[in-house]
Amino acid sequence: MTTGRQAAGRRVTYQLETLWDYDYEPTHHELEMLYETAKKNQWNASTAIDWSRPVGTQGPVLNVQLAFGGTNFFSRLTPAEQKEVEIRVSAWRLSQFLHGEQGALVVCGQLVNSIPELDAKLYTSTQVVDEGRHVEVFERYVKKLHEIYPVDPLLKGLLDEILATNLWELKLLGMQMIIEGLAIAAFNLMRKQTADPTLADVLDYVLQDEGRHVNFGYFALRRSIPGLTPDKRELLEEFTFKACDLMYARDERTGFQSIKTVWREMGWDGDKIWRDTVASSATTKAFNSFLFQENLMPRLQRLGLISERVAPRYREIGLLN
């Protein structure tokens, strides 16, 4: 039963401008190939993946030695505790993937309405289908594995802000570049850390869609940003820095801290393990490097969203040299 507080937490109120395109003239020539590829590469989650396999028995869902290598707490765990960490941490991670995919599903539905050019609307319509499929596969997998954990407050805050804005450029930036960039980094790391064939298949299929999504956001923003008014450009710059600052896990204030729920379920000090993981985990360092240094920061610079006005703040937190 959903309580009043839970219902309020699920509701996002917004005003959405809907734009038609009656010209029917191509505007984004880069999207032609993406649109064709999106149509060609549709897959059926019910038949592409063998759901008859038991999960976590043909190989570990998560290589915990790799995931938590370098930390102090992991070396003291018993084999039984390591297995419990594998299942619970995997369920928590995949639950965040699930919530993020539902957010992407809803935001892309908004973008079909609000993005102005028809060829961008057509491409976005294929992403709505993609995101629905991603919700399906992560829900099925997490329920077979363990249980669905609540959405992380940081993730929910970003998604709610993206959903609530009436500025389609911010929706595109927030979802296609930042959230999807985050997803690609997380999916790639988990793909390297899993030996479960069902999860490997899920991630392989999802990743082939995610690359198109990020490219779409980049192409569309590259076209629109030069024409933005100074106040709108500043709004995008501020949102981008805030999101990067919060996602760049480096202290007690930043990162997706609801994983502490897992440690507390096991009777451990969640804050202490969080500090240990942020300071020492090779996976956390690899995630930050892949997301920020290798992908997000170069794209943001090419889009002109790291101006001299905000660059000092990125340097202060260690994301720019």
C-alpha atoms as a PDB file:
ATOM      1  CA  MET A   1       0.000   0.000   0.000  1.00  0.00           C
ATOM      2  CA  THR A   2       1.364   3.435  -0.948  1.00  0.00           C
ATOM      3  CA  THR A   3       1.268   6.028   1.826  1.00  0.00           C
ATOM      4  CA  GLY A   4       0.624   9.725   1.241  1.00  0.00           C
ATOM      5  CA  ARG A   5       4.300  10.535   1.842  1.00  0.00           C
ATOM      6  CA  GLN A   6       5.432   7.843  -0.617  1.00  0.00           C
ATOM      7  CA  ALA A   7       2.973   9.109  -3.225  1.00  0.00           C
ATOM      8  CA  ALA A   8       4.246  12.671  -2.815  1.00  0.00           C
ATOM      9  CA  GLY A   9       7.825  11.453  -3.191  1.00  0.00           C
ATOM     10  CA  ARG A  10       6.933   9.866  -6.522  1.00  0.00           C
ATOM     11  CA  ARG A  11       5.250  12.973  -7.935  1.00  0.00           C
ATOM     12  CA  VAL A  12       7.083  15.632  -9.940  1.00  0.00           C
ATOM     13  CA  THR A  13       5.073  18.684 -10.978  1.00  0.00           C
ATOM     14  CA  TYR A  14       6.137  20.562 -14.105  1.00  0.00           C
ATOM     15  CA  GLN A  15       4.922  22.658 -17.015  1.00  0.00           C
ATOM     16  CA  LEU A  16       5.981  21.321 -20.392  1.00  0.00           C
ATOM     17  CA  GLU A  17       5.941  23.288 -23.612  1.00  0.00           C
ATOM     18  CA  THR A  18       5.058  21.117 -26.597  1.00  0.00           C
ATOM     19  CA  LEU A  19       6.579  22.095 -29.937  1.00  0.00           C
ATOM     20  CA  TRP A  20       5.400  20.959 -33.355  1.00  0.00           C
ATOM     21  CA  ASP A  21       7.559  20.916 -36.485  1.00  0.00           C
ATOM     22  CA  TYR A  22       5.436  21.467 -39.591  1.00  0.00           C
ATOM     23  CA  ASP A  23       8.387  22.157 -41.880  1.00  0.00           C
ATOM     24  CA  TYR A  24       9.383  18.483 -42.239  1.00  0.00           C
ATOM     25  CA  GLU A  25      12.869  19.498 -43.318  1.00  0.00           C
ATOM     26  CA  PRO A  26      15.965  17.622 -42.063  1.00  0.00           C
ATOM     27  CA  THR A  27      17.982  19.686 -39.593  1.00  0.00           C
ATOM     28  CA  HIS A  28      20.280  17.186 -37.832  1.00  0.00           C
ATOM     29  CA  HIS A  29      22.059  15.278 -40.589  1.00  0.00           C
ATOM     30  CA  GLU A  30      24.158  13.446 -37.979  1.00  0.00           C
ATOM     31  CA  LEU A  31      20.961  11.890 -36.632  1.00  0.00           C
ATOM     32  CA  GLU A  32      20.082  10.077 -39.861  1.00  0.00           C
ATOM     33  CA  MET A  33      22.556   7.261 -39.205  1.00  0.00           C
ATOM     34  CA  LEU A  34      21.707   7.135 -35.503  1.00  0.00           C
ATOM     35  CA  TYR A  35      17.995   6.856 -36.309  1.00  0.00           C
ATOM     36  CA  GLU A  36      18.582   4.090 -38.855  1.00  0.00           C
ATOM     37  CA  THR A  37      20.860   2.228 -36.453  1.00  0.00           C
ATOM     38  CA  ALA A  38      18.311   2.571 -33.664  1.00  0.00           C
ATOM     39  CA  LYS A  39      15.592   1.047 -35.835  1.00  0.00           C
ATOM     40  CA  LYS A  40      17.827  -1.770 -37.026  1.00  0.00           C
ATOM     41  CA  ASN A  41      19.178  -2.688 -33.573  1.00  0.00           C
ATOM     42  CA  GLN A  42      15.924  -3.056 -31.662  1.00  0.00           C
ATOM     43  CA  TRP A  43      15.892  -6.250 -29.575  1.00  0.00           C
ATOM     44  CA  ASN A  44      13.259  -8.155 -27.640  1.00  0.00           C
ATOM     45  CA  ALA A  45      14.176  -8.496 -23.972  1.00  0.00           C
ATOM     46  CA  SER A  46      11.996 -11.580 -23.579  1.00  0.00           C
ATOM     47  CA  THR A  47      13.735 -13.578 -26.307  1.00  0.00           C
ATOM     48  CA  ALA A  48      17.230 -12.089 -26.638  1.00  0.00           C
ATOM     49  CA  ILE A  49      18.140 -13.070 -23.055  1.00  0.00           C
ATOM     50  CA  ASP A  50      17.817 -16.553 -21.599  1.00  0.00           C
ATOM     51  CA  TRP A  51      15.795 -15.879 -18.460  1.00  0.00           C
ATOM     52  CA  SER A  52      15.547 -19.596 -17.615  1.00  0.00           C
ATOM     53  CA  ARG A  53      19.068 -19.562 -16.178  1.00  0.00           C
ATOM     54  CA  PRO A  54      19.393 -19.151 -12.412  1.00  0.00           C
ATOM     55  CA  VAL A  55      21.336 -16.004 -11.658  1.00  0.00           C
ATOM     56  CA  GLY A  56      24.526 -16.039  -9.646  1.00  0.00           C
ATOM     57  CA  THR A  57      25.197 -19.784  -9.905  1.00  0.00           C
ATOM     58  CA  GLN A  58      27.179 -20.058 -13.151  1.00  0.00           C
ATOM     59  CA  GLY A  59      29.552 -17.327 -12.047  1.00  0.00           C
ATOM     60  CA  PRO A  60      29.655 -14.532  -9.467  1.00  0.00           C
ATOM     61  CA  VAL A  61      27.337 -11.631 -10.143  1.00  0.00           C
ATOM     62  CA  LEU A  62      30.086  -9.339  -8.905  1.00  0.00           C
ATOM     63  CA  ASN A  63      33.801 -10.042  -8.521  1.00  0.00           C
ATOM     64  CA  VAL A  64      33.980  -8.544  -5.046  1.00  0.00           C
ATOM     65  CA  GLN A  65      37.745  -8.936  -4.819  1.00  0.00           C
ATOM     66  CA  LEU A  66      38.045  -6.701  -7.859  1.00  0.00           C
ATOM     67  CA  ALA A  67      35.248  -4.345  -6.808  1.00  0.00           C
ATOM     68  CA  PHE A  68      36.632  -3.732  -3.317  1.00  0.00           C
ATOM     69  CA  GLY A  69      40.309  -4.368  -3.895  1.00  0.00           C
ATOM     70  CA  GLY A  70      42.483  -1.982  -1.912  1.00  0.00           C
ATOM     71  CA  THR A  71      40.005  -1.412   0.913  1.00  0.00           C
ATOM     72  CA  ASN A  72      40.705  -2.333   4.521  1.00  0.00           C
ATOM     73  CA  PHE A  73      37.351  -3.890   5.357  1.00  0.00           C
ATOM     74  CA  PHE A  74      37.209  -6.435   2.551  1.00  0.00           C
ATOM     75  CA  SER A  75      40.342  -8.358   3.515  1.00  0.00           C
ATOM     76  CA  ARG A  76      38.744  -9.251   6.862  1.00  0.00           C
ATOM     77  CA  LEU A  77      35.539 -10.766   5.440  1.00  0.00           C
ATOM     78  CA  THR A  78      34.733 -14.473   5.621  1.00  0.00           C
ATOM     79  CA  PRO A  79      33.746 -16.308   2.391  1.00  0.00           C
ATOM     80  CA  ALA A  80      30.100 -16.247   3.517  1.00  0.00           C
ATOM     81  CA  GLU A  81      30.258 -12.502   4.114  1.00  0.00           C
ATOM     82  CA  GLN A  82      31.909 -11.972   0.731  1.00  0.00           C
ATOM     83  CA  LYS A  83      29.027 -13.835  -0.956  1.00  0.00           C
ATOM     84  CA  GLU A  84      26.476 -11.749   0.908  1.00  0.00           C
ATOM     85  CA  VAL A  85      28.288  -8.566  -0.119  1.00  0.00           C
ATOM     86  CA  GLU A  86      28.268  -9.798  -3.728  1.00  0.00           C
ATOM     87  CA  ILE A  87      24.495 -10.286  -3.788  1.00  0.00           C
ATOM     88  CA  ARG A  88      23.460  -7.232  -1.786  1.00  0.00           C
ATOM     89  CA  VAL A  89      25.835  -4.748  -3.440  1.00  0.00           C
ATOM     90  CA  SER A  90      24.864  -6.080  -6.875  1.00  0.00           C
ATOM     91  CA  ALA A  91      21.166  -5.692  -6.072  1.00  0.00           C
ATOM     92  CA  TRP A  92      21.786  -2.134  -4.826  1.00  0.00           C
ATOM     93  CA  ARG A  93      23.796  -1.170  -7.934  1.00  0.00           C
ATOM     94  CA  LEU A  94      21.307  -2.715 -10.323  1.00  0.00           C
ATOM     95  CA  SER A  95      18.411  -1.084  -8.473  1.00  0.00           C
ATOM     96  CA  GLN A  96      19.993   2.310  -9.155  1.00  0.00           C
ATOM     97  CA  PHE A  97      20.360   1.311 -12.822  1.00  0.00           C
ATOM     98  CA  LEU A  98      16.652   0.408 -12.819  1.00  0.00           C
ATOM     99  CA  HIS A  99      15.577   3.713 -11.281  1.00  0.00           C
ATOM    100  CA  GLY A 100      17.820   5.645 -13.672  1.00  0.00           C
ATOM    101  CA  GLU A 101      16.332   3.840 -16.665  1.00  0.00           C
ATOM    102  CA  GLN A 102      12.803   4.675 -15.539  1.00  0.00           C
ATOM    103  CA  GLY A 103      13.891   8.296 -15.206  1.00  0.00           C
ATOM    104  CA  ALA A 104      15.293   8.155 -18.734  1.00  0.00           C
ATOM    105  CA  LEU A 105      12.034   6.647 -19.994  1.00  0.00           C
ATOM    106  CA  VAL A 106       9.993   9.533 -18.602  1.00  0.00           C
ATOM    107  CA  VAL A 107      12.443  12.273 -19.635  1.00  0.00           C
ATOM    108  CA  CYS A 108      12.642  10.956 -23.205  1.00  0.00           C
ATOM    109  CA  GLY A 109       8.859  10.972 -23.362  1.00  0.00           C
ATOM    110  CA  GLN A 110       9.048  14.658 -22.440  1.00  0.00           C
ATOM    111  CA  LEU A 111      11.709  15.317 -25.064  1.00  0.00           C
ATOM    112  CA  VAL A 112       9.493  13.949 -27.842  1.00  0.00           C
ATOM    113  CA  ASN A 113       7.127  16.796 -26.964  1.00  0.00           C
ATOM    114  CA  SER A 114       9.552  19.591 -26.248  1.00  0.00           C
ATOM    115  CA  ILE A 115      12.514  19.200 -28.618  1.00  0.00           C
ATOM    116  CA  PRO A 116      11.787  21.425 -31.626  1.00  0.00           C
ATOM    117  CA  GLU A 117      13.058  19.601 -34.738  1.00  0.00           C
ATOM    118  CA  LEU A 118      11.215  16.611 -36.196  1.00  0.00           C
ATOM    119  CA  ASP A 119      14.300  14.486 -36.887  1.00  0.00           C
ATOM    120  CA  ALA A 120      15.301  14.865 -33.229  1.00  0.00           C
ATOM    121  CA  LYS A 121      11.768  13.891 -32.190  1.00  0.00           C
ATOM    122  CA  LEU A 122      11.961  10.781 -34.385  1.00  0.00           C
ATOM    123  CA  TYR A 123      15.251   9.698 -32.872  1.00  0.00           C
ATOM    124  CA  THR A 124      14.003  10.385 -29.333  1.00  0.00           C
ATOM    125  CA  SER A 125      10.979   8.178 -29.995  1.00  0.00           C
ATOM    126  CA  THR A 126      13.336   5.235 -30.532  1.00  0.00           C
ATOM    127  CA  GLN A 127      15.006   5.981 -27.224  1.00  0.00           C
ATOM    128  CA  VAL A 128      11.653   5.839 -25.424  1.00  0.00           C
ATOM    129  CA  VAL A 129      11.368   2.248 -26.648  1.00  0.00           C
ATOM    130  CA  ASP A 130      14.983   1.550 -25.629  1.00  0.00           C
ATOM    131  CA  GLU A 131      14.451   2.867 -22.118  1.00  0.00           C
ATOM    132  CA  GLY A 132      11.273   0.850 -21.625  1.00  0.00           C
ATOM    133  CA  ARG A 133      13.227  -2.265 -22.570  1.00  0.00           C
ATOM    134  CA  HIS A 134      16.016  -1.346 -20.144  1.00  0.00           C
ATOM    135  CA  VAL A 135      13.521  -0.932 -17.306  1.00  0.00           C
ATOM    136  CA  GLU A 136      12.155  -4.371 -18.159  1.00  0.00           C
ATOM    137  CA  VAL A 137      15.501  -6.209 -18.086  1.00  0.00           C
ATOM    138  CA  PHE A 138      16.834  -4.621 -14.906  1.00  0.00           C
ATOM    139  CA  GLU A 139      13.558  -5.171 -13.060  1.00  0.00           C
ATOM    140  CA  ARG A 140      13.506  -8.836 -14.075  1.00  0.00           C
ATOM    141  CA  TYR A 141      17.107  -9.404 -13.139  1.00  0.00           C
ATOM    142  CA  VAL A 142      17.055  -7.640  -9.751  1.00  0.00           C
ATOM    143  CA  LYS A 143      13.902  -9.483  -8.671  1.00  0.00           C
ATOM    144  CA  LYS A 144      15.537 -12.823  -9.547  1.00  0.00           C
ATOM    145  CA  LEU A 145      18.712 -11.841  -7.712  1.00  0.00           C
ATOM    146  CA  HIS A 146      17.514 -10.348  -4.401  1.00  0.00           C
ATOM    147  CA  GLU A 147      15.305  -7.269  -3.994  1.00  0.00           C
ATOM    148  CA  ILE A 148      14.883  -3.750  -5.372  1.00  0.00           C
ATOM    149  CA  TYR A 149      16.518  -1.096  -3.190  1.00  0.00           C
ATOM    150  CA  PRO A 150      15.112   2.462  -2.980  1.00  0.00           C
ATOM    151  CA  VAL A 151      16.370   5.128  -5.357  1.00  0.00           C
ATOM    152  CA  ASP A 152      19.484   6.935  -4.141  1.00  0.00           C
ATOM    153  CA  PRO A 153      18.619  10.501  -2.995  1.00  0.00           C
ATOM    154  CA  LEU A 154      21.322  12.023  -5.212  1.00  0.00           C
ATOM    155  CA  LEU A 155      20.041  10.207  -8.287  1.00  0.00           C
ATOM    156  CA  LYS A 156      16.431  11.088  -7.500  1.00  0.00           C
ATOM    157  CA  GLY A 157      17.327  14.747  -6.970  1.00  0.00           C
ATOM    158  CA  LEU A 158      19.031  14.970 -10.354  1.00  0.00           C
ATOM    159  CA  LEU A 159      16.198  13.151 -12.119  1.00  0.00           C
ATOM    160  CA  ASP A 160      13.542  15.325 -10.481  1.00  0.00           C
ATOM    161  CA  GLU A 161      15.354  18.508 -11.516  1.00  0.00           C
ATOM    162  CA  ILE A 162      15.677  17.254 -15.096  1.00  0.00           C
ATOM    163  CA  LEU A 163      12.013  16.289 -15.174  1.00  0.00           C
ATOM    164  CA  ALA A 164      10.790  19.561 -13.665  1.00  0.00           C
ATOM    165  CA  THR A 165      12.628  21.986 -15.952  1.00  0.00           C
ATOM    166  CA  ASN A 166      10.796  23.493 -18.912  1.00  0.00           C
ATOM    167  CA  LEU A 167      14.081  23.982 -20.776  1.00  0.00           C
ATOM    168  CA  TRP A 168      14.530  21.138 -23.227  1.00  0.00           C
ATOM    169  CA  GLU A 169      18.258  21.826 -23.549  1.00  0.00           C
ATOM    170  CA  LEU A 170      18.687  21.137 -19.832  1.00  0.00           C
ATOM    171  CA  LYS A 171      16.647  17.929 -20.147  1.00  0.00           C
ATOM    172  CA  LEU A 172      18.885  16.869 -23.013  1.00  0.00           C
ATOM    173  CA  LEU A 173      22.068  17.782 -21.170  1.00  0.00           C
ATOM    174  CA  GLY A 174      21.008  16.252 -17.869  1.00  0.00           C
ATOM    175  CA  MET A 175      19.717  12.980 -19.262  1.00  0.00           C
ATOM    176  CA  GLN A 176      21.646  12.325 -22.486  1.00  0.00           C
ATOM    177  CA  MET A 177      25.053  13.572 -21.386  1.00  0.00           C
ATOM    178  CA  ILE A 178      25.228  13.362 -17.585  1.00  0.00           C
ATOM    179  CA  ILE A 179      22.895  10.523 -16.503  1.00  0.00           C
ATOM    180  CA  GLU A 180      23.571   8.423 -19.618  1.00  0.00           C
ATOM    181  CA  GLY A 181      27.303   9.100 -19.273  1.00  0.00           C
ATOM    182  CA  LEU A 182      27.080   7.926 -15.677  1.00  0.00           C
ATOM    183  CA  ALA A 183      25.220   4.812 -16.824  1.00  0.00           C
ATOM    184  CA  ILE A 184      27.813   3.910 -19.447  1.00  0.00           C
ATOM    185  CA  ALA A 185      30.623   4.195 -16.893  1.00  0.00           C
ATOM    186  CA  ALA A 186      28.748   2.083 -14.341  1.00  0.00           C
ATOM    187  CA  PHE A 187      27.639  -0.535 -16.885  1.00  0.00           C
ATOM    188  CA  ASN A 188      31.149  -0.929 -18.293  1.00  0.00           C
ATOM    189  CA  LEU A 189      32.666  -1.423 -14.849  1.00  0.00           C
ATOM    190  CA  MET A 190      30.028  -3.935 -13.784  1.00  0.00           C
ATOM    191  CA  ARG A 191      30.430  -5.794 -17.093  1.00  0.00           C
ATOM    192  CA  LYS A 192      34.127  -6.261 -16.266  1.00  0.00           C
ATOM    193  CA  GLN A 193      33.288  -7.390 -12.734  1.00  0.00           C
ATOM    194  CA  THR A 194      30.606  -9.991 -13.483  1.00  0.00           C
ATOM    195  CA  ALA A 195      30.880 -13.625 -14.518  1.00  0.00           C
ATOM    196  CA  ASP A 196      27.123 -14.234 -14.492  1.00  0.00           C
ATOM    197  CA  PRO A 197      26.090 -14.941 -18.113  1.00  0.00           C
ATOM    198  CA  THR A 198      22.586 -13.516 -17.745  1.00  0.00           C
ATOM    199  CA  LEU A 199      23.826 -10.213 -16.351  1.00  0.00           C
ATOM    200  CA  ALA A 200      26.594 -10.125 -18.962  1.00  0.00           C
ATOM    201  CA  ASP A 201      23.965 -10.474 -21.706  1.00  0.00           C
ATOM    202  CA  VAL A 202      21.782  -7.772 -20.135  1.00  0.00           C
ATOM    203  CA  LEU A 203      24.673  -5.329 -19.938  1.00  0.00           C
ATOM    204  CA  ASP A 204      25.910  -6.101 -23.465  1.00  0.00           C
ATOM    205  CA  TYR A 205      22.492  -5.414 -24.965  1.00  0.00           C
ATOM    206  CA  VAL A 206      21.894  -2.286 -22.890  1.00  0.00           C
ATOM    207  CA  LEU A 207      25.344  -0.855 -23.661  1.00  0.00           C
ATOM    208  CA  GLN A 208      24.771  -1.092 -27.405  1.00  0.00           C
ATOM    209  CA  ASP A 209      21.810   1.271 -26.938  1.00  0.00           C
ATOM    210  CA  GLU A 210      23.500   3.656 -24.495  1.00  0.00           C
ATOM    211  CA  GLY A 211      26.241   4.710 -26.901  1.00  0.00           C
ATOM    212  CA  ARG A 212      23.595   5.978 -29.347  1.00  0.00           C
ATOM    213  CA  HIS A 213      21.850   7.894 -26.576  1.00  0.00           C
ATOM    214  CA  VAL A 214      24.944   9.837 -25.555  1.00  0.00           C
ATOM    215  CA  ASN A 215      25.847  10.574 -29.179  1.00  0.00           C
ATOM    216  CA  PHE A 216      22.350  11.902 -29.809  1.00  0.00           C
ATOM    217  CA  GLY A 217      22.636  14.276 -26.868  1.00  0.00           C
ATOM    218  CA  TYR A 218      26.024  15.489 -28.024  1.00  0.00           C
ATOM    219  CA  PHE A 219      24.934  16.098 -31.633  1.00  0.00           C
ATOM    220  CA  ALA A 220      21.735  17.900 -30.628  1.00  0.00           C
ATOM    221  CA  LEU A 221      23.435  20.073 -28.000  1.00  0.00           C
ATOM    222  CA  ARG A 222      26.307  20.926 -30.324  1.00  0.00           C
ATOM    223  CA  ARG A 223      23.735  22.398 -32.669  1.00  0.00           C
ATOM    224  CA  SER A 224      21.667  24.245 -30.054  1.00  0.00           C
ATOM    225  CA  ILE A 225      24.171  25.635 -27.520  1.00  0.00           C
ATOM    226  CA  PRO A 226      25.769  28.293 -29.773  1.00  0.00           C
ATOM    227  CA  GLY A 227      22.367  29.945 -30.163  1.00  0.00           C
ATOM    228  CA  LEU A 228      21.489  30.047 -26.471  1.00  0.00           C
ATOM    229  CA  THR A 229      21.035  33.320 -24.666  1.00  0.00           C
ATOM    230  CA  PRO A 230      23.688  34.044 -21.986  1.00  0.00           C
ATOM    231  CA  ASP A 231      21.269  33.359 -19.133  1.00  0.00           C
ATOM    232  CA  LYS A 232      20.292  29.947 -20.520  1.00  0.00           C
ATOM    233  CA  ARG A 233      23.935  29.009 -21.148  1.00  0.00           C
ATOM    234  CA  GLU A 234      24.769  30.015 -17.564  1.00  0.00           C
ATOM    235  CA  LEU A 235      21.882  27.879 -16.293  1.00  0.00           C
ATOM    236  CA  LEU A 236      23.275  24.848 -18.148  1.00  0.00           C
ATOM    237  CA  GLU A 237      26.779  25.519 -16.846  1.00  0.00           C
ATOM    238  CA  GLU A 238      25.545  25.783 -13.250  1.00  0.00           C
ATOM    239  CA  PHE A 239      23.483  22.584 -13.461  1.00  0.00           C
ATOM    240  CA  THR A 240      26.385  20.697 -15.017  1.00  0.00           C
ATOM    241  CA  PHE A 241      28.869  21.756 -12.362  1.00  0.00           C
ATOM    242  CA  LYS A 242      26.462  20.953  -9.542  1.00  0.00           C
ATOM    243  CA  ALA A 243      25.806  17.465 -10.961  1.00  0.00           C
ATOM    244  CA  CYS A 244      29.520  16.741 -11.458  1.00  0.00           C
ATOM    245  CA  ASP A 245      30.375  18.046  -7.996  1.00  0.00           C
ATOM    246  CA  LEU A 246      27.795  15.791  -6.362  1.00  0.00           C
ATOM    247  CA  MET A 247      28.534  12.669  -8.433  1.00  0.00           C
ATOM    248  CA  TYR A 248      32.320  12.874  -8.033  1.00  0.00           C
ATOM    249  CA  ALA A 249      32.617  10.692  -4.922  1.00  0.00           C
ATOM    250  CA  ARG A 250      35.475  11.979  -2.790  1.00  0.00           C
ATOM    251  CA  ASP A 251      34.162  12.760   0.733  1.00  0.00           C
ATOM    252  CA  GLU A 252      31.191  12.511   3.098  1.00  0.00           C
ATOM    253  CA  ARG A 253      29.160  14.990   1.036  1.00  0.00           C
ATOM    254  CA  THR A 254      29.481  13.493  -2.440  1.00  0.00           C
ATOM    255  CA  GLY A 255      28.632  10.310  -4.300  1.00  0.00           C
ATOM    256  CA  PHE A 256      25.802   7.775  -4.158  1.00  0.00           C
ATOM    257  CA  GLN A 257      25.779   7.189  -0.432  1.00  0.00           C
ATOM    258  CA  SER A 258      22.682   5.009  -0.135  1.00  0.00           C
ATOM    259  CA  ILE A 259      25.003   2.003  -0.515  1.00  0.00           C
ATOM    260  CA  LYS A 260      25.507   2.520   3.223  1.00  0.00           C
ATOM    261  CA  THR A 261      22.119   0.783   3.523  1.00  0.00           C
ATOM    262  CA  VAL A 262      23.782  -2.454   2.437  1.00  0.00           C
ATOM    263  CA  TRP A 263      26.535  -2.207   5.028  1.00  0.00           C
ATOM    264  CA  ARG A 264      24.048  -1.389   7.787  1.00  0.00           C
ATOM    265  CA  GLU A 265      21.876  -4.352   6.798  1.00  0.00           C
ATOM    266  CA  MET A 266      24.905  -6.523   7.456  1.00  0.00           C
ATOM    267  CA  GLY A 267      25.410  -4.946  10.865  1.00  0.00           C
ATOM    268  CA  TRP A 268      28.452  -2.873   9.936  1.00  0.00           C
ATOM    269  CA  ASP A 269      29.404   0.793  10.220  1.00  0.00           C
ATOM    270  CA  GLY A 270      28.176   2.198   6.890  1.00  0.00           C
ATOM    271  CA  ASP A 271      29.924   5.546   7.282  1.00  0.00           C
ATOM    272  CA  LYS A 272      33.275   3.917   8.035  1.00  0.00           C
ATOM    273  CA  ILE A 273      33.076   1.566   5.044  1.00  0.00           C
ATOM    274  CA  TRP A 274      32.013   4.475   2.824  1.00  0.00           C
ATOM    275  CA  ARG A 275      35.121   6.422   3.805  1.00  0.00           C
ATOM    276  CA  ASP A 276      37.299   3.351   3.274  1.00  0.00           C
ATOM    277  CA  THR A 277      35.791   2.695  -0.174  1.00  0.00           C
ATOM    278  CA  VAL A 278      36.033   6.281  -1.391  1.00  0.00           C
ATOM    279  CA  ALA A 279      39.628   6.574  -0.216  1.00  0.00           C
ATOM    280  CA  SER A 280      40.953   3.150  -1.222  1.00  0.00           C
ATOM    281  CA  SER A 281      38.726   1.274  -3.706  1.00  0.00           C
ATOM    282  CA  ALA A 282      40.346   0.780  -7.100  1.00  0.00           C
ATOM    283  CA  THR A 283      36.869   0.477  -8.623  1.00  0.00           C
ATOM    284  CA  THR A 284      35.796   3.890  -7.308  1.00  0.00           C
ATOM    285  CA  LYS A 285      38.913   5.442  -8.793  1.00  0.00           C
ATOM    286  CA  ALA A 286      38.367   3.628 -12.119  1.00  0.00           C
ATOM    287  CA  PHE A 287      34.721   4.737 -12.222  1.00  0.00           C
ATOM    288  CA  ASN A 288      35.626   8.375 -11.596  1.00  0.00           C
ATOM    289  CA  SER A 289      38.371   8.274 -14.228  1.00  0.00           C
ATOM    290  CA  PHE A 290      36.185   6.644 -16.883  1.00  0.00           C
ATOM    291  CA  LEU A 291      33.162   8.870 -16.254  1.00  0.00           C
ATOM    292  CA  PHE A 292      34.869  12.225 -15.842  1.00  0.00           C
ATOM    293  CA  GLN A 293      38.370  12.306 -17.323  1.00  0.00           C
ATOM    294  CA  GLU A 294      37.783   9.965 -20.259  1.00  0.00           C
ATOM    295  CA  ASN A 295      34.221  10.829 -21.248  1.00  0.00           C
ATOM    296  CA  LEU A 296      32.206  13.582 -19.619  1.00  0.00           C
ATOM    297  CA  MET A 297      34.754  16.374 -19.200  1.00  0.00           C
ATOM    298  CA  PRO A 298      36.077  16.228 -22.809  1.00  0.00           C
ATOM    299  CA  ARG A 299      32.524  16.296 -24.189  1.00  0.00           C
ATOM    300  CA  LEU A 300      31.515  19.205 -21.967  1.00  0.00           C
ATOM    301  CA  GLN A 301      34.592  21.140 -23.055  1.00  0.00           C
ATOM    302  CA  ARG A 302      33.839  20.531 -26.733  1.00  0.00           C
ATOM    303  CA  LEU A 303      30.283  21.754 -26.142  1.00  0.00           C
ATOM    304  CA  GLY A 304      31.590  24.954 -24.557  1.00  0.00           C
ATOM    305  CA  LEU A 305      29.944  24.275 -21.197  1.00  0.00           C
ATOM    306  CA  ILE A 306      33.123  24.720 -19.143  1.00  0.00           C
ATOM    307  CA  SER A 307      33.688  28.417 -19.587  1.00  0.00           C
ATOM    308  CA  GLU A 308      36.352  30.463 -17.848  1.00  0.00           C
ATOM    309  CA  ARG A 309      33.618  31.509 -15.424  1.00  0.00           C
ATOM    310  CA  VAL A 310      33.142  27.956 -14.064  1.00  0.00           C
ATOM    311  CA  ALA A 311      36.487  26.305 -14.890  1.00  0.00           C
ATOM    312  CA  PRO A 312      38.112  27.367 -11.569  1.00  0.00           C
ATOM    313  CA  ARG A 313      35.413  25.468  -9.675  1.00  0.00           C
ATOM    314  CA  TYR A 314      36.163  22.281 -11.632  1.00  0.00           C
ATOM    315  CA  ARG A 315      39.858  22.745 -10.867  1.00  0.00           C
ATOM    316  CA  GLU A 316      39.096  23.233  -7.185  1.00  0.00           C
ATOM    317  CA  ILE A 317      37.408  19.825  -6.921  1.00  0.00           C
ATOM    318  CA  GLY A 318      40.034  18.085  -9.043  1.00  0.00           C
ATOM    319  CA  LEU A 319      38.182  17.535 -12.323  1.00  0.00           C
ATOM    320  CA  LEU A 320      40.328  19.917 -14.387  1.00  0.00           C
ATOM    321  CA  ASN A 321      44.073  20.413 -14.402  1.00  0.00           C
END
